[in-house]
Each structure stands twice: as structure tokens, then as C-alpha cells.
Amino acid sequence: PLPATGNIGTAAATLPSDIDIYTVGLGNSSDIDSDELESLATQNNFFHVDQDLTGDKYFQLEKYYTQIFMDVANLATIVDPMYWIAPGQKHEIEFDVLRGDVRALIVLYDWKGLRLPFFCVSPRGEIVDPVMIPSGFLLRSGATSQARFVEIMFPSKEAERYAGRWKVVVTHDGRVCRGMPGRKQDEPGFLPNDCGGYKDPLLYGIAIGVGSNFRMMPFVTPGPVYVGDPILLTALVSEAGLPVIGCTVSVEWTAPSGATGTVTLMDDGVHADGDPDDGEYARMFTQTGSAGTYHFRFRATGWSRDGESVMREALRDKAVLPRKPTGEPDDGHKPDPDECC
């Protein structure tokens, strides 16, 4: 049994060297030990979910877990936005699939479990949906209480059918559905059978990833960062393991105060990015004037070797710690009130 009070002695676990570790902190910055969570994570795989999961942050936790799954499943994240849609509107979220890509994963997040119809359209106009699967495509679908997903396997040796610009179509026709998607449907939409009128705008989120050789790997400064210290933002862009040059790589940032902005990473050899034109894009982020967690959305746009347009996105968080008062030891030792003086 665990003691009612006091510390519990633990020993560091020996983990295999070929696994990645992700950590997620849930709560206000003062409620979690961001420094400890970052030290446990590998490859900067630390995420902080703000306690207030309302408004545009409603899907924040689900989105982080989706990104973790995409990383583990070797999927490159393309887009990860949230939208408001009003009755009578139709949204078309576009994304590009390359000739060398083998599959795509689309996750739709349903606000409070209220589900709108959505389906995919290939570059040739073929509708891809659990009830309308074109020949040669394979599709796996599933749902939780607040999300639905479809995973599409592209037809082998038929790049002319899948390579190009896809669309995810989301419509609000004045009704919503509740519950798990029905098994018998006669129209696309991946919907439950329990539907009814709904005349208000609705928030939904979407995440799209592809199994692709075109990758972007984001990094932030490892180790503790204190107020006023810069954070090095780095993105490695590659295709089939070879560096991709000439990309536009930007990072949208959100500070603990809610302030936002965008910085552009460079590959010119003078912005802590290694050699010029080596596919390593970087820049120092210096606006760390307050303690707390900074959220970073990396976005790379460029061209594949076949001349196809490509976009990749990824999220990373970084905790900025308050500076210690003058004279306080920096060895990390926290005084124990029960220690003898």
C-alpha cells in the first residue's frame, strides 16, 4: 500500500534505445512540472494541454493524441485546423497527395458529439466514404464518442487516380446527428442514424496525415529554458531521406499570455541552421518574456522531386521557467522542510 504522506522512493526505468517517449501535461502551468515532463520525453515530444478546454481549445487534447498516433504510425501531418461552420455552409478542406504516398488518415473531431456529414473526394472526383469505396481503394473507418476517422489505402500502381489535390467536404445542412455511425446508409457522410434539426453554427476540428517519404521533423531547444532565454526552433525537411531545399518554413507561436505571432525559419547558414541549403531550417525565438508554456505550430511548404506541391505541419510545446531569485542555488535541490538545519 502507498503511504498516506511523504515521498515514495523510485528508481529510473531502463528503456529500449529505439523507442520514442511522449509526455502530456494537463492543467495550468503552475499545476504541472513542465521541466520534468520535458526531461522524460524524447525528441522534444512534450505537449501541454491548457486546463481551460473551451472555445478553440476544445479539441486540444484530442489533437495532441492524434499527432502522437501519426508520429508513431509514421504518418506525416498535413493540416490540423479547427473551423466554425454555419447552417447552409459547405467547407472543402484541401490537401495534396504525392505519387509516392501510400495512405491517408482523416480524423474529424465532433464538438460535444454533434456530428456533421463529411466525405473525401479524390483528384479525379471519386467520392471515398465508408459506403462509397471506389474499386482499388481500401478503407478502414471507426469512431469514438467525439471523433470519427477514415484511413484510405491508395490503389497500387494507379498514381493517376490518387496523386494530386484531395478535398474533405464538411456540410452543415441545418441538422446534426448523435451517436455512433450507422452501418446501413445510402448516402456518403459517415453519420449516425439519430439526426435532428440544428440551426446554430458548430465548431469542428480536423487532422489529416499521409504515409509519405516527404517529412518535416520539428525541434525546439532541449533542456531547461528560463524567462528571457531564446528558444531555437528547427525543422528538418527531407524526401526519402534526402534534404529538401527551397521550402518556406514558418512557425506560428502562442505565448502563455495569449499573444500570437509568426516567425520564418531560414536555411542560409546564418540563423543557427547549420550549413546553407542543407534542408535544415532554423531561427532563434526571443519573445520569452513570461513564464509558462509556449505553443508552436511548424508549417513547411515546398515541392517534391516530381514537382508536386507539398505542405507539412507539426505541433510542439516548450516550457519557459521563471528565473530563480538571486542567491538561490541552481543545483536543482529543493529544501526539505523536515531536514535538520
Protein backbone atom coordinates (compact mmCIF):
# COMPACT_ATOMS: atom_id res chain seq x y z
CA PRO A 1 0.00 0.00 0.00
CA LEU A 2 1.09 3.57 -0.68
CA PRO A 3 1.89 5.76 2.32
CA ALA A 4 -0.67 8.43 3.17
CA THR A 5 2.01 11.14 3.16
CA GLY A 6 5.66 11.57 2.33
CA ASN A 7 7.85 10.70 -0.62
CA ILE A 8 7.95 7.40 -2.47
CA GLY A 9 11.34 6.06 -3.45
CA THR A 10 11.61 5.27 -7.15
CA ALA A 11 14.30 4.03 -9.50
CA ALA A 12 14.82 5.13 -13.08
CA ALA A 13 13.49 2.62 -15.59
CA THR A 14 15.81 1.28 -18.26
CA LEU A 15 14.07 1.80 -21.58
CA PRO A 16 15.00 0.43 -25.02
CA SER A 17 17.04 2.91 -27.04
CA ASP A 18 14.86 2.60 -30.14
CA ILE A 19 11.55 3.91 -28.73
CA ASP A 20 10.14 7.41 -28.54
CA ILE A 21 8.62 8.78 -25.34
CA TYR A 22 5.80 11.35 -25.39
CA THR A 23 4.62 13.29 -22.34
CA VAL A 24 1.44 15.33 -21.96
CA GLY A 25 0.83 17.79 -19.14
CA LEU A 26 -2.80 18.58 -18.35
CA GLY A 27 -3.55 21.69 -16.31
CA ASN A 28 -2.29 25.21 -15.69
CA SER A 29 1.46 25.79 -15.89
CA SER A 30 1.60 26.07 -12.10
CA ASP A 31 -0.08 22.66 -11.74
CA ILE A 32 2.41 20.59 -13.75
CA ASP A 33 6.17 20.08 -13.65
CA SER A 34 6.96 21.04 -17.23
CA ASP A 35 10.70 20.70 -16.71
CA GLU A 36 10.34 17.11 -15.50
CA LEU A 37 7.92 16.19 -18.29
CA GLU A 38 10.28 17.62 -20.90
CA SER A 39 13.22 15.71 -19.45
CA LEU A 40 11.25 12.45 -19.69
CA ALA A 41 10.26 12.99 -23.33
CA THR A 42 12.49 12.15 -26.27
CA GLN A 43 12.92 14.31 -29.40
CA ASN A 44 11.10 17.28 -27.80
CA ASN A 45 7.91 15.18 -27.64
CA PHE A 46 6.34 17.28 -24.87
CA PHE A 47 2.83 18.69 -25.10
CA HIS A 48 0.96 20.90 -22.65
CA VAL A 49 -2.82 20.94 -22.69
CA ASP A 50 -4.25 24.06 -21.09
CA GLN A 51 -6.80 23.36 -18.39
CA ASP A 52 -9.44 25.57 -19.99
CA LEU A 53 -10.61 23.31 -22.83
CA THR A 54 -13.23 25.71 -24.16
CA GLY A 55 -13.69 27.64 -27.39
CA ASP A 56 -10.96 26.98 -29.93
CA LYS A 57 -9.07 24.86 -27.36
CA TYR A 58 -11.91 22.33 -27.09
CA PHE A 59 -10.11 19.73 -29.22
CA GLN A 60 -6.58 20.42 -27.96
CA LEU A 61 -6.14 17.15 -26.06
CA GLU A 62 -7.57 15.01 -28.88
CA LYS A 63 -5.36 16.76 -31.41
CA TYR A 64 -2.20 16.11 -29.42
CA TYR A 65 -3.02 12.42 -29.10
CA THR A 66 -3.78 12.27 -32.81
CA GLN A 67 -0.38 13.80 -33.58
CA ILE A 68 1.29 11.25 -31.30
CA PHE A 69 -0.51 8.45 -33.14
CA MET A 70 0.50 9.86 -36.52
CA ASP A 71 4.13 10.07 -35.42
CA VAL A 72 4.09 6.50 -34.12
CA ALA A 73 2.30 5.23 -37.25
CA ASN A 74 4.86 7.02 -39.48
CA LEU A 75 2.30 9.43 -40.93
CA ALA A 76 3.25 12.97 -41.94
CA THR A 77 0.77 15.57 -40.64
CA ILE A 78 -0.55 17.86 -43.38
CA VAL A 79 -3.13 20.08 -41.69
CA ASP A 80 -4.57 20.33 -38.20
CA PRO A 81 -7.08 23.23 -38.03
CA MET A 82 -10.42 23.98 -36.37
CA TYR A 83 -13.37 25.71 -38.05
CA TRP A 84 -16.77 27.19 -37.29
CA ILE A 85 -19.42 26.25 -39.84
CA ALA A 86 -22.87 27.86 -40.07
CA PRO A 87 -26.11 26.30 -41.33
CA GLY A 88 -26.17 26.24 -45.12
CA GLN A 89 -22.37 26.28 -45.45
CA LYS A 90 -20.10 23.72 -47.09
CA HIS A 91 -16.40 23.57 -46.29
CA GLU A 92 -13.84 21.99 -48.61
CA ILE A 93 -10.51 21.34 -46.85
CA GLU A 94 -7.89 20.63 -49.49
CA PHE A 95 -4.72 18.58 -49.16
CA ASP A 96 -2.15 17.22 -51.59
CA VAL A 97 -1.17 13.58 -52.05
CA LEU A 98 2.11 12.71 -53.76
CA ARG A 99 2.71 9.90 -56.23
CA GLY A 100 4.85 8.08 -53.68
CA ASP A 101 2.29 8.29 -50.86
CA VAL A 102 0.56 5.08 -49.85
CA ARG A 103 -2.27 6.08 -47.49
CA ALA A 104 -4.08 8.95 -45.83
CA LEU A 105 -5.73 9.33 -42.43
CA ILE A 106 -8.54 11.86 -41.86
CA VAL A 107 -9.81 12.49 -38.32
CA LEU A 108 -12.86 14.69 -37.73
CA TYR A 109 -13.49 15.94 -34.18
CA ASP A 110 -17.17 16.37 -33.29
CA TRP A 111 -17.95 19.16 -30.84
CA LYS A 112 -19.86 17.65 -27.88
CA GLY A 113 -20.53 14.60 -30.03
CA LEU A 114 -22.65 16.54 -32.55
CA ARG A 115 -21.78 15.05 -35.93
CA LEU A 116 -21.90 16.67 -39.36
CA PRO A 117 -21.60 14.75 -42.64
CA PHE A 118 -18.14 14.55 -44.20
CA PHE A 119 -16.58 12.60 -47.04
CA CYS A 120 -13.43 12.66 -49.20
CA VAL A 121 -13.12 13.47 -52.90
CA SER A 122 -10.12 12.25 -54.93
CA PRO A 123 -8.35 14.37 -57.59
CA ARG A 124 -10.44 12.56 -60.22
CA GLY A 125 -13.70 13.37 -58.43
CA GLU A 126 -14.28 9.91 -56.95
CA ILE A 127 -16.10 10.03 -53.60
CA VAL A 128 -14.35 7.98 -50.92
CA ASP A 129 -16.55 7.17 -47.93
CA PRO A 130 -17.39 4.07 -45.84
CA VAL A 131 -20.47 3.49 -48.03
CA MET A 132 -18.86 4.53 -51.34
CA ILE A 133 -15.42 2.94 -51.80
CA PRO A 134 -14.13 3.12 -55.39
CA SER A 135 -12.56 -0.02 -56.80
CA GLY A 136 -8.89 -0.39 -55.94
CA PHE A 137 -9.10 1.74 -52.78
CA LEU A 138 -9.16 0.18 -49.33
CA LEU A 139 -10.81 1.96 -46.41
CA ARG A 140 -10.86 1.48 -42.66
CA SER A 141 -13.16 3.61 -40.50
CA GLY A 142 -14.01 3.99 -36.85
CA ALA A 143 -15.45 6.35 -34.26
CA THR A 144 -15.33 7.37 -30.62
CA SER A 145 -17.93 9.41 -28.75
CA GLN A 146 -16.44 12.67 -30.10
CA ALA A 147 -14.41 11.79 -33.20
CA ARG A 148 -14.57 9.83 -36.46
CA PHE A 149 -11.73 8.67 -38.66
CA VAL A 150 -11.23 7.14 -42.09
CA GLU A 151 -7.96 5.63 -43.27
CA ILE A 152 -7.61 5.29 -47.04
CA MET A 153 -5.13 2.95 -48.73
CA PHE A 154 -4.38 4.11 -52.27
CA PRO A 155 -4.56 1.70 -55.22
CA SER A 156 -1.16 0.27 -56.07
CA LYS A 157 0.37 1.40 -59.38
CA GLU A 158 -2.52 3.80 -60.09
CA ALA A 159 -0.99 7.11 -59.08
CA GLU A 160 -3.07 8.91 -61.69
CA ARG A 161 -6.14 8.16 -59.54
CA TYR A 162 -4.85 9.36 -56.18
CA ALA A 163 -1.91 11.75 -56.73
CA GLY A 164 -2.96 15.40 -56.68
CA ARG A 165 -5.30 17.63 -54.69
CA TRP A 166 -7.88 15.93 -52.46
CA LYS A 167 -10.81 17.50 -50.65
CA VAL A 168 -12.53 16.72 -47.38
CA VAL A 169 -16.09 18.03 -47.70
CA VAL A 170 -17.94 19.01 -44.50
CA THR A 171 -21.50 20.32 -44.73
CA HIS A 172 -23.98 21.86 -42.30
CA ASP A 173 -27.44 21.35 -43.76
CA GLY A 174 -29.31 22.51 -40.67
CA ARG A 175 -29.21 19.19 -38.85
CA VAL A 176 -26.77 17.19 -36.72
CA CYS A 177 -26.56 13.55 -35.74
CA ARG A 178 -25.75 11.89 -32.43
CA GLY A 179 -24.34 8.52 -31.51
CA MET A 180 -22.17 6.03 -33.38
CA PRO A 181 -22.24 5.99 -37.20
CA GLY A 182 -24.85 3.68 -38.63
CA ARG A 183 -23.95 0.54 -40.52
CA LYS A 184 -26.64 0.94 -43.18
CA GLN A 185 -26.54 4.19 -45.10
CA ASP A 186 -27.44 5.08 -48.66
CA GLU A 187 -25.50 8.36 -48.94
CA PRO A 188 -21.98 9.50 -48.01
CA GLY A 189 -21.38 11.34 -44.79
CA PHE A 190 -20.31 8.75 -42.19
CA LEU A 191 -23.24 9.62 -39.92
CA PRO A 192 -25.29 8.00 -37.15
CA ASN A 193 -28.96 7.29 -37.79
CA ASP A 194 -30.21 9.58 -34.98
CA CYS A 195 -30.40 13.03 -36.62
CA GLY A 196 -32.36 16.19 -35.96
CA GLY A 197 -32.57 19.91 -36.68
CA TYR A 198 -29.81 22.26 -35.52
CA LYS A 199 -29.81 25.94 -36.51
CA ASP A 200 -26.65 27.21 -34.76
CA PRO A 201 -23.06 27.40 -36.01
CA LEU A 202 -20.95 24.42 -34.99
CA LEU A 203 -17.26 24.02 -34.18
CA TYR A 204 -15.35 21.05 -35.55
CA GLY A 205 -11.72 20.06 -35.86
CA ILE A 206 -9.89 18.05 -38.47
CA ALA A 207 -6.48 16.39 -38.72
CA ILE A 208 -5.04 14.93 -41.92
CA GLY A 209 -1.91 12.82 -42.30
CA VAL A 210 -0.34 10.78 -45.09
CA GLY A 211 2.07 7.88 -45.29
CA SER A 212 4.78 9.70 -47.20
CA ASN A 213 8.52 9.90 -47.83
CA PHE A 214 8.26 13.71 -47.64
CA ARG A 215 8.82 14.55 -43.98
CA MET A 216 9.28 17.52 -41.68
CA MET A 217 10.82 16.92 -38.25
CA PRO A 218 10.42 19.85 -35.81
CA PHE A 219 12.65 20.52 -32.81
CA VAL A 220 12.80 23.10 -30.03
CA THR A 221 15.69 23.82 -27.66
CA PRO A 222 16.23 20.79 -25.40
CA GLY A 223 16.81 21.28 -21.70
CA PRO A 224 15.50 23.99 -19.36
CA VAL A 225 14.76 27.45 -20.76
CA TYR A 226 14.22 30.42 -18.45
CA VAL A 227 12.44 33.75 -18.93
CA GLY A 228 14.46 35.86 -21.34
CA ASP A 229 16.36 32.92 -22.86
CA PRO A 230 15.96 32.28 -26.60
CA ILE A 231 14.36 29.10 -27.94
CA LEU A 232 15.96 27.58 -31.02
CA LEU A 233 13.26 26.46 -33.47
CA THR A 234 14.48 23.93 -36.05
CA ALA A 235 12.77 21.94 -38.81
CA LEU A 236 14.44 19.25 -40.89
CA VAL A 237 12.72 18.78 -44.25
CA SER A 238 13.54 15.70 -46.30
CA GLU A 239 12.22 13.42 -49.03
CA ALA A 240 13.27 9.77 -48.97
CA GLY A 241 15.96 10.77 -46.50
CA LEU A 242 17.45 13.48 -48.73
CA PRO A 243 17.32 17.17 -47.74
CA VAL A 244 14.71 19.39 -49.41
CA ILE A 245 15.83 22.94 -50.09
CA GLY A 246 13.86 25.99 -51.17
CA CYS A 247 10.98 25.42 -48.75
CA THR A 248 9.09 28.11 -46.90
CA VAL A 249 9.07 27.13 -43.24
CA SER A 250 7.13 29.24 -40.73
CA VAL A 251 6.23 28.80 -37.08
CA GLU A 252 3.06 30.23 -35.56
CA TRP A 253 3.57 30.79 -31.84
CA THR A 254 1.25 31.38 -28.91
CA ALA A 255 2.63 32.75 -25.65
CA PRO A 256 1.23 31.96 -22.17
CA SER A 257 -0.40 35.41 -22.21
CA GLY A 258 -2.32 34.52 -25.37
CA ALA A 259 -0.19 36.75 -27.61
CA THR A 260 0.48 35.26 -31.04
CA GLY A 261 2.84 35.77 -33.93
CA THR A 262 4.76 34.09 -36.74
CA VAL A 263 8.46 33.65 -37.41
CA THR A 264 10.09 32.37 -40.59
CA LEU A 265 12.86 29.78 -40.33
CA MET A 266 15.87 30.13 -42.62
CA ASP A 267 18.25 27.75 -44.38
CA ASP A 268 21.00 30.27 -45.15
CA GLY A 269 23.72 29.18 -42.73
CA VAL A 270 23.50 32.30 -40.53
CA HIS A 271 20.44 31.55 -38.36
CA ALA A 272 21.79 28.63 -36.29
CA ASP A 273 20.62 26.36 -39.11
CA GLY A 274 23.84 24.53 -39.96
CA ASP A 275 25.16 24.86 -43.49
CA PRO A 276 23.26 26.85 -46.12
CA ASP A 277 20.88 24.90 -48.35
CA ASP A 278 21.09 21.65 -46.36
CA GLY A 279 17.37 21.19 -45.61
CA GLU A 280 17.79 22.38 -42.01
CA TYR A 281 15.65 25.46 -41.31
CA ALA A 282 16.04 27.34 -38.04
CA ARG A 283 15.76 30.61 -36.14
CA MET A 284 16.03 31.85 -32.59
CA PHE A 285 12.72 32.75 -30.96
CA THR A 286 13.40 35.54 -28.47
CA GLN A 287 9.99 36.66 -27.21
CA THR A 288 10.14 34.66 -23.99
CA GLY A 289 9.23 37.48 -21.63
CA SER A 290 6.92 35.45 -19.37
CA ALA A 291 6.97 32.04 -17.74
CA GLY A 292 4.65 29.28 -18.92
CA THR A 293 4.16 27.05 -21.93
CA TYR A 294 4.70 28.36 -25.46
CA HIS A 295 2.85 26.55 -28.26
CA PHE A 296 4.49 26.28 -31.70
CA ARG A 297 2.88 25.20 -34.97
CA PHE A 298 5.51 24.41 -37.62
CA ARG A 299 4.44 24.61 -41.26
CA ALA A 300 6.61 23.74 -44.27
CA THR A 301 5.54 24.28 -47.88
CA GLY A 302 7.64 23.24 -50.84
CA TRP A 303 7.93 20.95 -53.84
CA SER A 304 8.63 17.26 -54.20
CA ARG A 305 11.19 15.86 -56.61
CA ASP A 306 8.31 15.26 -59.05
CA GLY A 307 7.33 18.93 -58.92
CA GLU A 308 4.27 18.34 -56.70
CA SER A 309 3.15 20.92 -54.15
CA VAL A 310 3.66 19.76 -50.55
CA MET A 311 2.66 21.07 -47.13
CA ARG A 312 3.52 19.57 -43.75
CA GLU A 313 2.54 20.70 -40.24
CA ALA A 314 3.54 19.70 -36.72
CA LEU A 315 2.97 20.93 -33.17
CA ARG A 316 5.49 21.27 -30.38
CA ASP A 317 5.36 22.93 -26.95
CA LYS A 318 8.11 24.39 -24.80
CA ALA A 319 8.00 25.36 -21.14
CA VAL A 320 9.75 28.58 -20.12
CA LEU A 321 10.61 28.55 -16.43
CA PRO A 322 10.68 31.55 -14.07
CA ARG A 323 14.15 32.73 -13.12
CA LYS A 324 15.28 31.81 -9.63
CA PRO A 325 15.76 34.62 -7.08
CA THR A 326 19.30 35.87 -6.68
CA GLY A 327 21.28 33.68 -4.32
CA GLU A 328 19.11 30.58 -4.71
CA PRO A 329 21.22 27.51 -5.56
CA ASP A 330 20.99 26.28 -9.14
CA ASP A 331 21.77 22.64 -8.39
CA GLY A 332 18.11 21.68 -8.56
CA HIS A 333 17.99 20.73 -4.86
CA LYS A 334 14.68 21.58 -3.24
CA PRO A 335 14.93 22.09 0.53
CA ASP A 336 13.02 19.55 2.61
CA PRO A 337 11.22 21.27 5.49
CA ASP A 338 11.76 18.14 7.58
CA GLU A 339 15.55 18.21 7.12
CA CYS A 340 17.54 19.11 10.17
CA CYS A 341 19.14 22.57 9.96
